[in-house]
Amino acid sequence: MIFRALRDLGGFGTDCYILSGDGKNALLIDAPCFPEKIIGEIEKAGLALKSVYLTHGHCDHIEALGGLYEKYGCEVYIHKKDLPMLTDERLCLAAYFGTPFEPFRGAKPLYGNENISDCGLDFKVLHTPGHSPGSVCYIFGDRIFSGDTIFENSVGRTDLGGNYDELMSSVETLIKSCDISAPVFPGHGFPTSLKDEYDYSPWLEEIRSKGVLG
């Protein structure tokens, strides 16, 4: 599998990930900004972008969509509950943060629990609301691409249209559903593992106290 991470993009320090299983076509997880930089990395790997899978619809994860679509005509996927964010600068928080916004239409909805085959890769969509109503994690075998659901020693903020109780329930579901040793590649910051977060994150104390892993 070809796997490349682009880290700390733009003012929000957003990460995105290029993956390919067939060596020809790539899928991208999140499209934060600097489409020319993302395109450069895709072409450096000798790939063409076929699909973009968004972990959620906030402005710092979608800004590059227009440029990427113009170059590749790629398919774009997002959970149905976050779909309106792609065409509304208030819902995606671009108006709140004063960041560039270009409406994107034509994205395809996800609903959660899909098993997808794309670009020679098989993965699952796990709906993890809380940071946003339509936040998802993408599970590729033993790799978790968590968006803004969980980070190294932290979890996603919920004060801008999120729900803390939903987020904690989603993190608990993630822990129960996945291999606890799975590496986690978040939407911001550095990779971690589900076990390290379960063992050490202060945000997961309530979940640890339940003994969800037995």
Protein backbone atom coordinates (compact mmCIF):
# COMPACT_ATOMS: atom_id res chain seq x y z
CA MET A 1 0.00 0.00 0.00
CA ILE A 2 1.19 3.49 -0.84
CA PHE A 3 0.66 5.80 2.13
CA ARG A 4 1.71 9.42 2.43
CA ALA A 5 0.83 11.89 5.15
CA LEU A 6 0.79 15.64 4.65
CA ARG A 7 0.93 17.27 8.05
CA ASP A 8 0.32 20.65 9.59
CA LEU A 9 -1.25 22.29 6.54
CA GLY A 10 -2.50 25.86 6.79
CA GLY A 11 -3.35 27.97 9.79
CA PHE A 12 -5.26 25.15 11.49
CA GLY A 13 -2.39 22.66 11.18
CA THR A 14 -4.60 20.09 9.47
CA ASP A 15 -3.35 16.68 8.31
CA CYS A 16 -4.46 14.73 5.25
CA TYR A 17 -3.53 11.33 3.89
CA ILE A 18 -2.92 9.86 0.44
CA LEU A 19 -3.51 6.11 0.06
CA SER A 20 -3.40 3.65 -2.83
CA GLY A 21 -3.64 -0.10 -3.05
CA ASP A 22 -3.40 -0.49 -6.82
CA GLY A 23 -0.43 1.80 -7.51
CA LYS A 24 -2.46 3.81 -10.04
CA ASN A 25 -5.34 5.55 -8.32
CA ALA A 26 -5.26 7.39 -5.02
CA LEU A 27 -7.84 8.25 -2.44
CA LEU A 28 -7.39 11.21 -0.14
CA ILE A 29 -8.63 11.50 3.41
CA ASP A 30 -9.58 15.16 3.97
CA ALA A 31 -8.71 18.11 1.75
CA PRO A 32 -7.59 20.91 4.05
CA CYS A 33 -5.88 23.52 1.85
CA PHE A 34 -3.03 24.04 -0.63
CA PRO A 35 -4.44 21.84 -3.43
CA GLU A 36 -1.27 22.38 -5.45
CA LYS A 37 0.80 20.82 -2.66
CA ILE A 38 -1.54 17.84 -2.39
CA ILE A 39 -1.49 17.43 -6.18
CA GLY A 40 2.31 17.56 -6.15
CA GLU A 41 2.50 14.72 -3.62
CA ILE A 42 -0.02 12.64 -5.56
CA GLU A 43 1.92 13.08 -8.79
CA LYS A 44 5.24 12.43 -7.08
CA ALA A 45 3.84 9.02 -6.16
CA GLY A 46 2.81 8.43 -9.78
CA LEU A 47 -0.88 8.39 -8.91
CA ALA A 48 -4.12 10.02 -10.04
CA LEU A 49 -6.69 11.13 -7.48
CA LYS A 50 -9.91 9.14 -7.81
CA SER A 51 -11.74 9.84 -4.53
CA VAL A 52 -11.76 12.18 -1.54
CA TYR A 53 -13.21 10.88 1.74
CA LEU A 54 -13.94 13.64 4.25
CA THR A 55 -13.93 12.91 7.97
CA HIS A 56 -16.28 15.85 8.48
CA GLY A 57 -17.31 19.13 6.89
CA HIS A 58 -15.48 21.86 8.81
CA CYS A 59 -13.70 24.48 6.75
CA ASP A 60 -10.18 23.35 7.65
CA HIS A 61 -10.83 19.93 6.09
CA ILE A 62 -12.55 20.97 2.83
CA GLU A 63 -10.82 24.08 1.48
CA ALA A 64 -8.87 22.24 -1.25
CA LEU A 65 -11.89 20.45 -2.72
CA GLY A 66 -12.42 22.88 -5.58
CA GLY A 67 -8.82 22.75 -6.77
CA LEU A 68 -8.64 18.97 -6.51
CA TYR A 69 -11.91 18.50 -8.38
CA GLU A 70 -10.82 20.90 -11.10
CA LYS A 71 -7.64 18.86 -11.62
CA TYR A 72 -9.01 15.32 -11.33
CA GLY A 73 -12.82 15.35 -11.42
CA CYS A 74 -12.60 13.14 -8.33
CA GLU A 75 -15.55 11.76 -6.40
CA VAL A 76 -16.11 13.34 -2.96
CA TYR A 77 -17.74 11.52 -0.04
CA ILE A 78 -18.99 12.87 3.29
CA HIS A 79 -21.49 11.72 5.89
CA LYS A 80 -25.03 12.85 5.08
CA LYS A 81 -25.32 14.91 8.28
CA ASP A 82 -22.33 17.06 7.31
CA LEU A 83 -23.21 17.34 3.62
CA PRO A 84 -24.83 20.81 4.04
CA MET A 85 -21.50 22.17 5.31
CA LEU A 86 -20.01 21.91 1.84
CA THR A 87 -22.33 24.64 0.54
CA ASP A 88 -22.84 26.84 3.62
CA GLU A 89 -19.98 28.99 4.94
CA ARG A 90 -21.71 29.36 8.29
CA LEU A 91 -22.26 25.67 8.89
CA CYS A 92 -18.68 24.77 7.96
CA LEU A 93 -17.39 27.61 10.20
CA ALA A 94 -15.58 29.44 7.38
CA ALA A 95 -17.62 32.58 8.18
CA TYR A 96 -16.81 32.22 11.89
CA PHE A 97 -13.05 31.90 11.32
CA GLY A 98 -12.89 34.24 8.34
CA THR A 99 -11.31 31.66 6.04
CA PRO A 100 -11.73 31.23 2.24
CA PHE A 101 -14.81 29.35 1.18
CA GLU A 102 -15.89 27.94 -2.17
CA PRO A 103 -19.15 25.95 -2.18
CA PHE A 104 -18.76 22.38 -3.36
CA ARG A 105 -21.74 20.57 -4.83
CA GLY A 106 -22.11 17.00 -5.96
CA ALA A 107 -20.56 15.16 -3.01
CA LYS A 108 -21.95 11.69 -2.32
CA PRO A 109 -23.42 10.92 1.11
CA LEU A 110 -22.17 8.29 3.52
CA TYR A 111 -24.34 6.88 6.29
CA GLY A 112 -21.95 4.90 8.49
CA ASN A 113 -21.13 1.19 8.60
CA GLU A 114 -20.38 1.02 4.87
CA ASN A 115 -17.73 -1.41 3.73
CA ILE A 116 -15.99 0.24 0.79
CA SER A 117 -13.55 -0.98 -1.86
CA ASP A 118 -11.73 1.83 -3.65
CA CYS A 119 -8.31 2.25 -5.25
CA GLY A 120 -7.42 -1.34 -4.40
CA LEU A 121 -8.20 -0.83 -0.70
CA ASP A 122 -10.95 -2.16 1.54
CA PHE A 123 -12.10 -0.07 4.49
CA LYS A 124 -15.04 0.62 6.76
CA VAL A 125 -16.86 3.83 7.60
CA LEU A 126 -17.64 4.32 11.30
CA HIS A 127 -20.01 7.18 12.17
CA THR A 128 -18.52 8.98 15.20
CA PRO A 129 -20.66 12.09 15.86
CA GLY A 130 -19.74 14.60 18.51
CA HIS A 131 -17.18 16.95 17.03
CA SER A 132 -19.73 17.46 14.25
CA PRO A 133 -23.00 15.63 13.56
CA GLY A 134 -21.51 13.76 10.61
CA SER A 135 -17.99 13.04 11.80
CA VAL A 136 -16.67 9.66 10.74
CA CYS A 137 -13.58 7.52 11.17
CA TYR A 138 -12.22 5.39 8.34
CA ILE A 139 -10.88 1.97 9.32
CA PHE A 140 -8.32 0.45 6.95
CA GLY A 141 -7.44 -2.92 8.45
CA ASP A 142 -5.51 -2.00 11.59
CA ARG A 143 -5.23 1.72 10.73
CA ILE A 144 -7.71 4.29 11.99
CA PHE A 145 -8.06 7.68 10.31
CA SER A 146 -9.90 9.55 13.01
CA GLY A 147 -10.41 13.09 11.71
CA ASP A 148 -11.20 15.29 14.70
CA THR A 149 -12.79 12.55 16.82
CA ILE A 150 -9.62 11.66 18.74
CA PHE A 151 -6.07 13.02 18.76
CA GLU A 152 -2.86 12.35 20.60
CA ASN A 153 -3.76 13.05 24.25
CA SER A 154 -6.95 14.86 23.28
CA VAL A 155 -10.36 14.67 21.62
CA GLY A 156 -12.23 16.95 19.24
CA ARG A 157 -13.70 20.18 20.51
CA THR A 158 -17.48 20.33 20.83
CA ASP A 159 -18.16 24.02 21.47
CA LEU A 160 -18.83 24.91 17.82
CA GLY A 161 -21.90 22.89 17.00
CA GLY A 162 -20.77 19.62 18.54
CA ASN A 163 -22.00 17.52 21.43
CA TYR A 164 -19.66 16.31 24.17
CA ASP A 165 -21.76 13.34 25.29
CA GLU A 166 -22.05 12.13 21.70
CA LEU A 167 -18.31 12.50 21.24
CA MET A 168 -17.50 10.43 24.32
CA SER A 169 -19.95 7.77 23.19
CA SER A 170 -18.30 7.75 19.77
CA VAL A 171 -14.82 7.36 21.27
CA GLU A 172 -16.08 4.48 23.40
CA THR A 173 -17.59 2.86 20.30
CA LEU A 174 -14.30 3.30 18.46
CA ILE A 175 -12.42 1.56 21.27
CA LYS A 176 -14.89 -1.31 21.37
CA SER A 177 -15.04 -1.71 17.59
CA CYS A 178 -11.34 -1.67 16.71
CA ASP A 179 -8.16 -3.47 17.60
CA ILE A 180 -6.92 -1.64 20.70
CA SER A 181 -3.36 -1.70 19.36
CA ALA A 182 -4.43 0.05 16.13
CA PRO A 183 -2.46 3.13 15.07
CA VAL A 184 -4.51 6.31 14.87
CA PHE A 185 -3.88 8.98 12.23
CA PRO A 186 -5.79 12.11 13.30
CA GLY A 187 -6.87 15.24 11.50
CA HIS A 188 -4.36 17.34 13.45
CA GLY A 189 -1.08 16.57 15.15
CA PHE A 190 0.93 13.38 15.21
CA PRO A 191 -0.09 9.72 14.97
CA THR A 192 -0.89 7.86 18.15
CA SER A 193 -2.49 4.52 19.00
CA LEU A 194 -5.86 3.61 20.40
CA LYS A 195 -4.16 1.85 23.32
CA ASP A 196 -2.05 4.88 24.26
CA GLU A 197 -5.14 7.07 24.28
CA TYR A 198 -7.13 4.53 26.28
CA ASP A 199 -4.30 4.11 28.78
CA TYR A 200 -3.12 7.69 29.20
CA SER A 201 -5.43 10.37 27.81
CA PRO A 202 -7.03 12.43 30.59
CA TRP A 203 -10.07 12.89 28.34
CA LEU A 204 -10.79 9.16 28.45
CA GLU A 205 -10.85 8.74 32.23
CA GLU A 206 -14.60 8.16 32.30
CA ILE A 207 -14.33 5.50 29.61
CA ARG A 208 -11.46 3.78 31.46
CA SER A 209 -13.51 3.78 34.65
CA LYS A 210 -16.15 1.70 32.87
CA GLY A 211 -13.60 -0.97 32.11
CA VAL A 212 -14.87 -1.23 28.53
CA LEU A 213 -11.97 -3.50 27.57
CA GLY A 214 -12.69 -5.91 30.40
